[in-house]
Amino acid sequence: MPVDRRATVTVGVPAEEREVVRVDVGLPEQFRLDDVVASQYWTGRRAGESVRFEGGPLAPYSCVYFSLNGTATDRGKLVFPLTVHLKDGGTERLTGEKINDPRGAQLVFAGTQPRQSDYFGVDGGGTDLGVIGAVLVTIGVVGIAAAVLLRRYVIVSPPRRARGRRPAPPGRGPRGSGSSRRRTRTPQRSRRR
């Protein structure tokens, strides 16, 4: 997002096992809200230092997107914490400040790019997904190599023959039976045109 220029922030809100009926989106100090963009089946209005979206409901295991128009007044990472209100009366707070954090707030980078430390799992916060991915790829490569070698040397290769014995050509009998003796070749005739 640019700094000191009006832009639209899109906020993604997930629902887990239970229906969501209201979402409060907290506004960071470095963001000046101009207006709330209407969303299908949801109404939004400012409520103090947050924007309240009501309606829906948002079905379990789905997600909805809301848009806010405004201006980032300072450079850096803007954190929009989410309070999700459930149909059964419960609430969930999503306040994590790392990218890909399952409990993460909506993050916006104003006038800057994310750093490596902004990702979930780097410098102490959770599991490092990059390391897990590298391990899984290595296991896959080793497994494929083992399967190829197994097929090449165990399944497909013919048994080794005793040293010094030449195998009989295909279609001929064993040595000495008369069928493997020299055969005379019939000279081929050249074709004339």
Protein backbone atom coordinates (compact mmCIF):
# COMPACT_ATOMS: atom_id res chain seq x y z
CA MET A 1 0.00 0.00 0.00
CA PRO A 2 1.36 3.47 -0.79
CA VAL A 3 1.92 6.02 1.97
CA ASP A 4 -0.05 9.32 2.02
CA ARG A 5 -2.25 8.22 -0.88
CA ARG A 6 -5.80 6.88 -0.71
CA ALA A 7 -6.04 3.15 -1.31
CA THR A 8 -8.31 0.18 -0.64
CA VAL A 9 -7.47 -2.39 2.02
CA THR A 10 -9.10 -5.80 1.59
CA VAL A 11 -9.64 -7.71 4.82
CA GLY A 12 -10.10 -11.48 4.64
CA VAL A 13 -12.06 -13.14 7.46
CA PRO A 14 -12.17 -16.94 7.85
CA ALA A 15 -14.82 -19.04 9.61
CA GLU A 16 -13.77 -22.29 11.26
CA GLU A 17 -16.25 -24.82 12.70
CA ARG A 18 -18.96 -22.28 13.66
CA GLU A 19 -21.00 -19.63 11.81
CA VAL A 20 -19.82 -16.02 12.00
CA VAL A 21 -22.43 -13.25 12.38
CA ARG A 22 -20.28 -10.20 13.14
CA VAL A 23 -16.72 -9.05 12.58
CA ASP A 24 -14.96 -6.10 14.20
CA VAL A 25 -11.91 -4.90 12.27
CA GLY A 26 -9.54 -2.85 14.44
CA LEU A 27 -7.96 0.21 12.84
CA PRO A 28 -4.24 0.82 13.37
CA GLU A 29 -3.05 4.33 14.34
CA GLN A 30 -1.18 4.71 11.04
CA PHE A 31 -4.37 4.28 8.95
CA ARG A 32 -6.93 7.04 8.37
CA LEU A 33 -10.31 5.54 7.37
CA ASP A 34 -12.23 7.41 4.66
CA ASP A 35 -15.15 5.05 4.11
CA VAL A 36 -16.36 1.46 4.30
CA VAL A 37 -17.14 -0.35 1.04
CA ALA A 38 -20.48 -2.20 0.99
CA SER A 39 -20.22 -5.98 0.91
CA GLN A 40 -22.83 -8.51 -0.22
CA TYR A 41 -25.01 -9.66 2.72
CA TRP A 42 -22.97 -7.55 5.19
CA THR A 43 -23.27 -3.96 6.39
CA GLY A 44 -20.31 -2.06 7.75
CA ARG A 45 -19.99 1.09 9.88
CA ARG A 46 -17.36 2.72 12.02
CA ALA A 47 -17.61 1.95 15.75
CA GLY A 48 -14.93 3.85 17.68
CA GLU A 49 -11.46 2.57 16.74
CA SER A 50 -12.84 -0.27 14.62
CA VAL A 51 -15.24 -1.02 11.80
CA ARG A 52 -18.14 -3.35 12.62
CA PHE A 53 -19.48 -5.67 9.91
CA GLU A 54 -22.79 -7.41 10.63
CA GLY A 55 -24.95 -9.71 8.54
CA GLY A 56 -24.08 -12.85 6.67
CA PRO A 57 -23.91 -15.29 8.27
CA LEU A 58 -20.58 -16.69 7.20
CA ALA A 59 -20.86 -20.48 6.90
CA PRO A 60 -18.30 -22.76 8.59
CA TYR A 61 -15.06 -23.37 6.65
CA SER A 62 -15.55 -20.43 4.32
CA CYS A 63 -14.34 -16.86 4.20
CA VAL A 64 -15.53 -13.36 3.38
CA TYR A 65 -13.71 -10.22 2.25
CA PHE A 66 -14.39 -6.66 3.36
CA SER A 67 -12.92 -3.47 1.89
CA LEU A 68 -11.90 -0.25 3.61
CA ASN A 69 -10.86 2.92 1.80
CA GLY A 70 -8.28 5.04 3.54
CA THR A 71 -4.75 6.37 3.72
CA ALA A 72 -1.62 5.00 5.38
CA THR A 73 -0.08 7.94 7.23
CA ASP A 74 3.24 6.24 8.01
CA ARG A 75 5.57 3.67 6.51
CA GLY A 76 5.63 0.16 7.99
CA LYS A 77 3.54 -2.88 8.85
CA LEU A 78 -0.11 -2.02 9.63
CA VAL A 79 -1.94 -4.55 11.81
CA PHE A 80 -5.76 -4.76 11.55
CA PRO A 81 -6.78 -7.08 14.46
CA LEU A 82 -10.03 -9.01 13.98
CA THR A 83 -12.68 -9.93 16.54
CA VAL A 84 -14.95 -12.61 15.10
CA HIS A 85 -18.40 -12.99 16.75
CA LEU A 86 -19.96 -16.43 16.42
CA LYS A 87 -23.63 -17.35 16.11
CA ASP A 88 -23.53 -19.31 19.39
CA GLY A 89 -22.35 -16.19 21.29
CA GLY A 90 -18.62 -16.95 21.38
CA THR A 91 -15.85 -14.71 20.07
CA GLU A 92 -12.41 -15.29 18.59
CA ARG A 93 -9.56 -12.76 18.46
CA LEU A 94 -7.16 -12.86 15.52
CA THR A 95 -4.21 -10.68 16.50
CA GLY A 96 -1.07 -12.45 15.21
CA GLU A 97 1.43 -10.15 13.49
CA LYS A 98 3.08 -12.69 11.17
CA ILE A 99 2.22 -13.66 7.59
CA ASN A 100 0.53 -17.11 7.41
CA ASP A 101 -0.17 -17.20 11.14
CA PRO A 102 -3.42 -19.19 11.55
CA ARG A 103 -4.42 -16.75 14.32
CA GLY A 104 -3.18 -13.73 12.40
CA ALA A 105 -4.69 -10.27 11.98
CA GLN A 106 -4.97 -8.65 8.56
CA LEU A 107 -1.52 -7.26 7.70
CA VAL A 108 -0.81 -4.43 5.29
CA PHE A 109 2.67 -3.21 4.36
CA ALA A 110 2.66 0.53 3.67
CA GLY A 111 5.56 1.82 1.59
CA THR A 112 7.64 -1.26 2.41
CA GLN A 113 7.98 -4.96 1.67
CA PRO A 114 7.69 -7.81 4.21
CA ARG A 115 10.98 -8.97 5.75
CA GLN A 116 11.85 -12.59 6.45
CA SER A 117 11.06 -12.06 10.13
CA ASP A 118 7.47 -11.08 9.16
CA TYR A 119 6.69 -14.70 8.25
CA PHE A 120 5.15 -17.17 10.68
CA GLY A 121 7.67 -19.76 11.89
CA VAL A 122 10.72 -17.53 11.49
CA ASP A 123 12.60 -16.45 14.66
CA GLY A 124 10.69 -18.48 17.18
CA GLY A 125 6.98 -18.24 16.29
CA GLY A 126 5.67 -21.72 15.49
CA THR A 127 6.95 -24.30 13.02
CA ASP A 128 9.24 -23.30 10.17
CA LEU A 129 7.23 -24.37 7.11
CA GLY A 130 10.24 -23.90 4.82
CA VAL A 131 12.26 -26.53 6.69
CA ILE A 132 9.33 -28.96 6.69
CA GLY A 133 8.88 -28.44 2.95
CA ALA A 134 12.58 -29.07 2.25
CA VAL A 135 12.49 -32.29 4.31
CA LEU A 136 9.41 -33.54 2.44
CA VAL A 137 10.99 -32.78 -0.96
CA THR A 138 14.19 -34.61 0.07
CA ILE A 139 12.19 -37.66 1.21
CA GLY A 140 10.32 -37.64 -2.10
CA VAL A 141 13.51 -37.45 -4.20
CA VAL A 142 15.17 -40.27 -2.21
CA GLY A 143 12.03 -42.39 -2.55
CA ILE A 144 11.88 -41.91 -6.32
CA ALA A 145 15.61 -42.70 -6.69
CA ALA A 146 15.17 -45.88 -4.62
CA ALA A 147 12.20 -46.97 -6.75
CA VAL A 148 14.16 -46.43 -9.98
CA LEU A 149 17.17 -48.38 -8.70
CA LEU A 150 14.96 -51.17 -7.38
CA ARG A 151 13.25 -51.48 -10.74
CA ARG A 152 16.52 -51.34 -12.65
CA TYR A 153 18.52 -53.85 -10.65
CA VAL A 154 16.00 -56.16 -9.04
CA ILE A 155 12.87 -56.30 -11.13
CA VAL A 156 14.02 -55.69 -14.73
CA SER A 157 17.61 -56.98 -14.89
CA PRO A 158 18.04 -60.61 -16.02
CA PRO A 159 19.95 -62.93 -13.69
CA ARG A 160 23.74 -62.84 -14.04
CA ARG A 161 25.29 -65.73 -15.96
CA ALA A 162 28.33 -67.77 -15.05
CA ARG A 163 31.65 -66.31 -16.19
CA GLY A 164 33.11 -67.66 -19.40
CA ARG A 165 29.90 -68.92 -20.91
CA ARG A 166 28.33 -67.00 -23.73
CA PRO A 167 24.57 -67.10 -23.93
CA ALA A 168 23.07 -68.64 -27.01
CA PRO A 169 21.48 -66.15 -29.37
CA PRO A 170 17.70 -65.98 -29.13
CA GLY A 171 15.89 -68.67 -31.05
CA ARG A 172 18.75 -71.16 -31.10
CA GLY A 173 19.21 -74.28 -29.05
CA PRO A 174 21.95 -75.05 -26.53
CA ARG A 175 25.60 -75.47 -27.64
CA GLY A 176 26.45 -78.66 -29.34
CA SER A 177 22.92 -79.56 -30.28
CA GLY A 178 23.58 -78.75 -33.86
CA SER A 179 21.25 -75.82 -33.98
CA SER A 180 23.86 -73.31 -32.88
CA ARG A 181 26.51 -74.33 -35.43
CA ARG A 182 27.60 -71.95 -38.10
CA ARG A 183 25.02 -71.13 -40.57
CA THR A 184 25.86 -70.21 -44.05
CA ARG A 185 24.52 -66.97 -45.20
CA THR A 186 22.74 -66.63 -48.43
CA PRO A 187 24.06 -63.63 -50.30
CA GLN A 188 21.41 -61.03 -50.85
CA ARG A 189 20.61 -60.14 -54.40
CA SER A 190 20.82 -56.54 -55.37
CA ARG A 191 17.69 -55.21 -56.85
CA ARG A 192 17.81 -53.79 -60.29
CA ARG A 193 15.51 -51.09 -61.41
